[in-house]
Amino acid sequence: MPAAKNEEELPLAGSEKPAHERAADDLVNEAFMKAAAMSAIAGVRIGHGGPFGASIVRDGVLIACAPRPIPPPTFPLAFGT
């Protein structure tokens, strides 16, 4: 069976990406996680929340990043999470 002229032109099986693309995705995902962690730290430092943060990402774009506020103990709808 003859080899393909250019193996890079062949489609990949399934949704598997080349190693260099997976590494780039991992770095981007790590940056989004770091943004959430920094948001959590900032929330603790300003007394606005606990050590919980979140990043909302859509199509590789960071839409929002914020700490999760902790309701005061007298808040009537407070519940354990």
N, C-alpha and C. Protein backbone atom coordinates (compact mmCIF):
# COMPACT_ATOMS: atom_id res chain seq x y z
N MET A 1 0.85 -1.18 0.00
CA MET A 1 0.00 0.00 0.00
C MET A 1 0.89 1.24 0.00
N PRO A 2 0.72 2.14 -0.97
CA PRO A 2 1.58 3.33 -1.03
C PRO A 2 1.28 4.29 0.12
N ALA A 3 2.31 4.96 0.61
CA ALA A 3 2.16 5.95 1.68
C ALA A 3 1.55 7.23 1.12
N ALA A 4 0.86 7.95 1.97
CA ALA A 4 0.26 9.21 1.55
C ALA A 4 1.36 10.22 1.24
N LYS A 5 1.08 11.13 0.32
CA LYS A 5 2.07 12.15 -0.05
C LYS A 5 2.38 13.05 1.15
N ASN A 6 1.33 13.48 1.82
CA ASN A 6 1.52 14.36 2.96
C ASN A 6 0.61 13.87 4.08
N GLU A 7 1.20 13.24 5.08
CA GLU A 7 0.40 12.64 6.16
C GLU A 7 -0.38 13.68 6.94
N GLU A 8 0.08 14.93 6.97
CA GLU A 8 -0.61 15.97 7.71
C GLU A 8 -1.97 16.30 7.11
N GLU A 9 -2.18 15.99 5.86
CA GLU A 9 -3.45 16.28 5.22
C GLU A 9 -4.52 15.25 5.54
N LEU A 10 -4.11 14.10 6.10
CA LEU A 10 -5.07 13.06 6.42
C LEU A 10 -5.89 13.47 7.64
N PRO A 11 -7.17 13.20 7.64
CA PRO A 11 -7.99 13.54 8.82
C PRO A 11 -7.61 12.67 10.00
N LEU A 12 -7.70 13.22 11.20
CA LEU A 12 -7.41 12.48 12.41
C LEU A 12 -8.60 11.62 12.79
N ALA A 13 -8.33 10.51 13.41
CA ALA A 13 -9.41 9.62 13.85
C ALA A 13 -10.17 10.27 15.00
N GLY A 14 -11.48 10.34 14.90
CA GLY A 14 -12.29 10.93 15.96
C GLY A 14 -11.99 12.41 16.14
N SER A 15 -12.00 12.85 17.37
CA SER A 15 -11.73 14.26 17.66
C SER A 15 -10.35 14.44 18.27
N GLU A 16 -9.50 13.45 18.10
CA GLU A 16 -8.16 13.52 18.68
C GLU A 16 -7.36 14.63 18.00
N LYS A 17 -6.72 15.45 18.83
CA LYS A 17 -5.90 16.55 18.31
C LYS A 17 -4.43 16.17 18.39
N PRO A 18 -3.60 16.81 17.59
CA PRO A 18 -2.16 16.58 17.72
C PRO A 18 -1.67 17.05 19.09
N ALA A 19 -0.55 16.51 19.52
CA ALA A 19 -0.03 16.80 20.86
C ALA A 19 0.19 18.29 21.08
N HIS A 20 0.69 19.01 20.08
CA HIS A 20 0.96 20.44 20.29
C HIS A 20 -0.34 21.23 20.48
N GLU A 21 -1.43 20.81 19.85
CA GLU A 21 -2.71 21.50 20.05
C GLU A 21 -3.30 21.17 21.42
N ARG A 22 -3.15 19.92 21.88
CA ARG A 22 -3.64 19.56 23.21
C ARG A 22 -2.89 20.33 24.27
N ALA A 23 -1.58 20.50 24.10
CA ALA A 23 -0.78 21.26 25.06
C ALA A 23 -1.22 22.71 25.11
N ALA A 24 -1.53 23.29 23.95
CA ALA A 24 -2.00 24.67 23.91
C ALA A 24 -3.34 24.80 24.62
N ASP A 25 -4.25 23.83 24.39
CA ASP A 25 -5.55 23.85 25.07
C ASP A 25 -5.37 23.75 26.57
N ASP A 26 -4.45 22.91 27.01
CA ASP A 26 -4.20 22.76 28.44
C ASP A 26 -3.72 24.07 29.05
N LEU A 27 -2.86 24.78 28.34
CA LEU A 27 -2.37 26.06 28.85
C LEU A 27 -3.49 27.09 28.95
N VAL A 28 -4.37 27.12 27.97
CA VAL A 28 -5.49 28.06 27.98
C VAL A 28 -6.44 27.71 29.12
N ASN A 29 -6.76 26.43 29.28
CA ASN A 29 -7.64 26.02 30.37
C ASN A 29 -7.02 26.34 31.72
N GLU A 30 -5.72 26.16 31.85
CA GLU A 30 -5.04 26.49 33.10
C GLU A 30 -5.14 27.99 33.38
N ALA A 31 -5.06 28.81 32.35
CA ALA A 31 -5.18 30.26 32.54
C ALA A 31 -6.57 30.63 33.04
N PHE A 32 -7.61 29.96 32.53
CA PHE A 32 -8.97 30.23 33.01
C PHE A 32 -9.12 29.80 34.46
N MET A 33 -8.52 28.68 34.83
CA MET A 33 -8.59 28.21 36.22
C MET A 33 -7.83 29.17 37.15
N LYS A 34 -6.70 29.68 36.67
CA LYS A 34 -5.94 30.64 37.47
C LYS A 34 -6.74 31.92 37.66
N ALA A 35 -7.49 32.33 36.65
CA ALA A 35 -8.32 33.53 36.78
C ALA A 35 -9.38 33.31 37.86
N ALA A 36 -9.98 32.13 37.90
CA ALA A 36 -10.97 31.83 38.94
C ALA A 36 -10.33 31.82 40.32
N ALA A 37 -9.14 31.24 40.42
CA ALA A 37 -8.43 31.19 41.70
C ALA A 37 -8.05 32.59 42.18
N MET A 38 -7.58 33.42 41.27
CA MET A 38 -7.22 34.79 41.65
C MET A 38 -8.46 35.58 42.07
N SER A 39 -9.57 35.32 41.43
CA SER A 39 -10.82 35.97 41.80
C SER A 39 -11.22 35.56 43.22
N ALA A 40 -11.05 34.28 43.53
CA ALA A 40 -11.37 33.80 44.87
C ALA A 40 -10.47 34.45 45.92
N ILE A 41 -9.18 34.55 45.62
CA ILE A 41 -8.24 35.18 46.55
C ILE A 41 -8.59 36.64 46.75
N ALA A 42 -8.92 37.33 45.67
CA ALA A 42 -9.30 38.74 45.77
C ALA A 42 -10.57 38.90 46.62
N GLY A 43 -11.53 37.99 46.44
CA GLY A 43 -12.76 38.05 47.23
C GLY A 43 -12.50 37.89 48.71
N VAL A 44 -11.59 37.00 49.07
CA VAL A 44 -11.23 36.81 50.48
C VAL A 44 -10.55 38.05 51.02
N ARG A 45 -9.63 38.60 50.25
CA ARG A 45 -8.87 39.78 50.72
C ARG A 45 -9.75 41.00 50.96
N ILE A 46 -10.78 41.17 50.14
CA ILE A 46 -11.64 42.34 50.34
C ILE A 46 -12.84 42.03 51.23
N GLY A 47 -12.90 40.78 51.71
CA GLY A 47 -13.99 40.40 52.60
C GLY A 47 -15.33 40.22 51.89
N HIS A 48 -15.28 39.95 50.60
CA HIS A 48 -16.52 39.83 49.81
C HIS A 48 -16.99 38.40 49.66
N GLY A 49 -16.11 37.45 49.88
CA GLY A 49 -16.51 36.06 49.68
C GLY A 49 -15.56 35.09 50.32
N GLY A 50 -15.87 33.83 50.16
CA GLY A 50 -15.01 32.78 50.66
C GLY A 50 -14.00 32.38 49.60
N PRO A 51 -13.30 31.30 49.86
CA PRO A 51 -12.28 30.87 48.89
C PRO A 51 -12.87 30.12 47.70
N PHE A 52 -13.84 30.75 47.06
CA PHE A 52 -14.51 30.13 45.90
C PHE A 52 -14.58 31.15 44.78
N GLY A 53 -14.15 30.75 43.59
CA GLY A 53 -14.22 31.64 42.44
C GLY A 53 -14.70 30.87 41.23
N ALA A 54 -15.14 31.58 40.23
CA ALA A 54 -15.63 30.94 39.01
C ALA A 54 -15.25 31.77 37.80
N SER A 55 -14.99 31.07 36.71
CA SER A 55 -14.76 31.70 35.41
C SER A 55 -15.81 31.16 34.45
N ILE A 56 -16.43 32.05 33.71
CA ILE A 56 -17.38 31.63 32.68
C ILE A 56 -16.70 31.85 31.34
N VAL A 57 -16.57 30.76 30.59
CA VAL A 57 -15.85 30.79 29.32
C VAL A 57 -16.77 30.28 28.23
N ARG A 58 -16.77 30.98 27.12
CA ARG A 58 -17.58 30.54 25.98
C ARG A 58 -16.74 30.67 24.72
N ASP A 59 -16.61 29.60 23.99
CA ASP A 59 -15.84 29.55 22.76
C ASP A 59 -14.42 30.10 22.95
N GLY A 60 -13.81 29.76 24.08
CA GLY A 60 -12.44 30.16 24.34
C GLY A 60 -12.26 31.60 24.77
N VAL A 61 -13.36 32.30 25.09
CA VAL A 61 -13.29 33.69 25.53
C VAL A 61 -13.80 33.79 26.96
N LEU A 62 -13.01 34.41 27.83
CA LEU A 62 -13.41 34.61 29.22
C LEU A 62 -14.49 35.67 29.26
N ILE A 63 -15.70 35.28 29.65
CA ILE A 63 -16.83 36.21 29.68
C ILE A 63 -16.92 36.90 31.03
N ALA A 64 -16.76 36.14 32.11
CA ALA A 64 -16.87 36.71 33.45
C ALA A 64 -16.04 35.90 34.42
N CYS A 65 -15.58 36.54 35.46
CA CYS A 65 -14.81 35.90 36.51
C CYS A 65 -15.14 36.63 37.80
N ALA A 66 -15.56 35.89 38.83
CA ALA A 66 -15.96 36.55 40.07
C ALA A 66 -15.85 35.59 41.25
N PRO A 67 -15.70 36.15 42.46
CA PRO A 67 -15.74 35.30 43.65
C PRO A 67 -17.18 34.97 44.00
N ARG A 68 -17.38 33.90 44.73
CA ARG A 68 -18.72 33.56 45.19
C ARG A 68 -18.93 34.21 46.54
N PRO A 69 -19.88 35.13 46.65
CA PRO A 69 -20.12 35.77 47.94
C PRO A 69 -20.70 34.79 48.95
N ILE A 70 -20.38 35.02 50.19
CA ILE A 70 -20.93 34.21 51.27
C ILE A 70 -21.99 35.05 51.98
N PRO A 71 -23.22 34.55 52.06
CA PRO A 71 -24.27 35.32 52.74
C PRO A 71 -24.00 35.40 54.24
N PRO A 72 -24.45 36.47 54.87
CA PRO A 72 -24.25 36.59 56.32
C PRO A 72 -25.00 35.47 57.05
N PRO A 73 -24.56 35.13 58.28
CA PRO A 73 -25.19 34.04 59.01
C PRO A 73 -26.68 34.27 59.29
N THR A 74 -27.11 35.51 59.29
CA THR A 74 -28.52 35.80 59.57
C THR A 74 -29.39 35.77 58.31
N PHE A 75 -28.79 35.46 57.17
CA PHE A 75 -29.52 35.39 55.91
C PHE A 75 -30.52 34.23 55.97
N PRO A 76 -31.82 34.51 55.82
CA PRO A 76 -32.83 33.47 56.04
C PRO A 76 -32.82 32.32 55.03
N LEU A 77 -32.25 32.55 53.86
CA LEU A 77 -32.25 31.49 52.85
C LEU A 77 -30.89 30.81 52.74
N ALA A 78 -30.01 31.01 53.71
CA ALA A 78 -28.68 30.41 53.66
C ALA A 78 -28.80 28.88 53.77
N PHE A 79 -27.95 28.21 53.04
CA PHE A 79 -27.92 26.76 53.09
C PHE A 79 -26.50 26.29 52.85
N GLY A 80 -26.20 25.09 53.24
CA GLY A 80 -24.86 24.54 53.04
C GLY A 80 -24.66 24.14 51.59
N THR A 81 -23.50 24.45 51.07
CA THR A 81 -23.19 24.05 49.70
C THR A 81 -22.04 23.08 49.68
